[in-house]
Protein backbone atom coordinates (compact mmCIF):
# COMPACT_ATOMS: atom_id res chain seq x y z
CA MET A 1 0.07 -0.33 -0.03
CA ASN A 2 1.47 3.44 -1.39
CA ASN A 3 1.01 6.09 1.54
CA THR A 4 -0.86 9.18 0.03
CA PHE A 5 -2.55 11.84 2.12
CA SER A 6 -4.45 15.26 1.18
CA LEU A 7 -4.60 18.56 3.06
CA LYS A 8 -7.68 20.60 3.37
CA THR A 9 -8.09 24.11 4.75
CA ASP A 10 -11.35 25.01 6.09
CA GLU A 11 -12.89 28.53 6.84
CA GLN A 12 -10.71 28.94 10.03
CA ALA A 13 -7.66 28.46 8.35
CA ARG A 14 -7.22 25.19 10.25
CA VAL A 15 -5.46 22.75 8.03
CA THR A 16 -6.64 18.74 8.44
CA ILE A 17 -4.16 16.18 6.77
CA SER A 18 -5.28 12.84 6.07
CA MET A 19 -3.18 9.92 5.36
CA ASP A 20 -3.66 7.03 4.01
CA VAL A 21 -0.15 4.46 5.70
CA ALA A 22 -0.74 0.80 5.65
CA ALA A 23 -1.43 -0.72 9.07
CA GLU A 24 2.54 -2.16 9.54
CA ASP A 25 3.98 1.83 9.06
CA GLN A 26 1.61 3.39 11.60
CA SER A 27 3.18 3.55 14.56
CA ALA A 28 6.48 4.59 12.99
CA MET A 29 4.54 7.27 10.95
CA MET A 30 2.61 8.20 14.63
CA GLU A 31 6.29 8.56 15.67
CA LYS A 32 7.73 10.84 12.96
CA PHE A 33 4.72 13.47 13.14
CA ALA A 34 5.25 13.11 17.24
CA ALA A 35 8.71 14.68 16.48
CA CYS A 36 6.60 17.29 14.37
CA GLN A 37 3.86 17.94 17.06
CA ASN A 38 6.51 18.40 19.41
CA GLY A 39 8.86 20.48 16.98
CA THR A 40 11.88 17.89 17.51
CA CYS A 41 11.79 17.07 14.17
CA ASN A 42 14.30 18.23 10.90
CA CYS A 43 11.68 20.40 8.62
CA GLN A 44 12.54 24.02 8.05
CA THR A 45 10.46 26.08 8.05
CA THR A 46 8.94 29.02 9.63
CA GLU A 47 5.48 27.64 9.95
CA TYR A 48 5.81 26.74 13.69
CA GLU A 49 5.67 30.33 14.49
CA LYS A 50 1.90 30.71 13.51
CA LEU A 51 1.11 27.45 15.17
CA GLN A 52 -1.33 27.29 17.96
CA LYS A 53 -2.73 23.63 18.62
CA PHE A 54 -1.49 20.36 15.96
CA ASP A 55 -3.73 17.34 17.01
CA LEU A 56 -2.08 14.02 16.01
CA LEU A 57 -4.64 11.01 15.66
CA PRO A 58 -4.82 7.27 14.71
CA THR A 59 -7.59 6.63 12.21
CA PRO A 60 -9.11 3.07 10.68
CA ASN A 61 -7.03 3.77 7.15
CA GLY A 62 -3.81 5.44 8.60
CA LEU A 63 -3.10 9.23 10.89
CA LYS A 64 -5.07 12.46 11.05
CA ILE A 65 -3.50 15.91 11.36
CA GLN A 66 -5.14 19.23 12.26
CA LEU A 67 -3.45 22.35 12.55
CA THR A 68 -4.46 25.53 14.27
CA PRO A 69 -3.24 28.68 13.95
CA LYS A 70 -2.43 31.26 16.01
CA ALA A 71 -4.96 34.51 15.70
CA GLY A 72 -4.54 36.56 12.63
CA GLN A 73 -2.39 33.71 10.74
CA THR A 74 -2.52 31.32 7.93
CA PHE A 75 -0.28 28.64 6.88
CA ARG A 76 1.74 28.26 3.18
CA THR A 77 0.51 25.26 2.31
CA GLU A 78 3.60 24.21 0.05
CA GLU A 79 5.47 24.53 3.63
CA ILE A 80 3.29 21.56 5.22
CA GLU A 81 2.77 19.61 1.98
CA ARG A 82 6.65 19.48 1.59
CA CYS A 83 7.35 18.50 5.39
CA VAL A 84 4.04 15.49 4.92
CA LYS A 85 5.84 14.55 1.83
CA GLY A 86 8.85 14.21 3.37
CA ASN A 87 7.58 11.43 6.34
CA LEU A 88 5.43 9.40 3.88
CA GLU A 89 8.15 9.30 1.27
CA THR A 90 11.67 8.99 3.12
CA GLY A 91 10.97 8.68 6.85
CA SER A 92 12.10 12.19 7.39
CA CYS A 93 10.81 15.71 7.29
CA CYS A 94 12.32 18.21 4.16
């Protein structure tokens, strides 16, 4: 199973990332994205400065991340896509 993802932004500027992750890869991916959640990953982005809340949840088919920006902030989705893609394809950010 290929690991794929979709990214959506809602009217409150929250970004939701839904990922299809093979069951055998889910635990490892949770760990990798937990590093992002903690700000200890290798992503070279300033998007963390805009972050109010980072929710990481397992789903039946993979993982879901919801990023909530600070008031008045919006995320650059291309930066977020690059980090997610790096984690899914190579196992490390960017």
